[in-house]
Amino acid sequence: MQGMDSQELHAGIHMVPVEVIE
């Protein structure tokens, strides 16, 4: 997730840590 990082980071931060998103 390169471009989605910004949006997914805010929405996914409650569910999964930032390390998993990146």
Protein backbone atom coordinates (compact mmCIF):
# COMPACT_ATOMS: atom_id res chain seq x y z
CA MET A 1 0.00 0.00 0.00
CA GLN A 2 1.93 2.99 -1.22
CA GLY A 3 -0.70 5.59 -2.17
CA MET A 4 -3.29 4.23 0.24
CA ASP A 5 -0.86 4.53 3.15
CA SER A 6 -2.21 7.95 4.12
CA GLN A 7 -5.87 6.92 4.26
CA GLU A 8 -5.31 3.37 5.48
CA LEU A 9 -3.04 4.64 8.23
CA HIS A 10 -5.85 6.65 9.82
CA ALA A 11 -8.51 3.99 9.37
CA GLY A 12 -6.35 0.96 10.08
CA ILE A 13 -4.38 2.35 13.02
CA HIS A 14 -7.09 1.21 15.44
CA MET A 15 -7.03 -2.33 14.09
CA VAL A 16 -3.40 -2.97 13.15
CA PRO A 17 -0.13 -1.23 14.04
CA VAL A 18 1.58 1.02 11.51
CA GLU A 19 4.29 -1.58 10.99
CA VAL A 20 1.76 -4.04 9.57
CA ILE A 21 0.25 -1.41 7.25
CA GLU A 22 3.65 -0.65 5.79
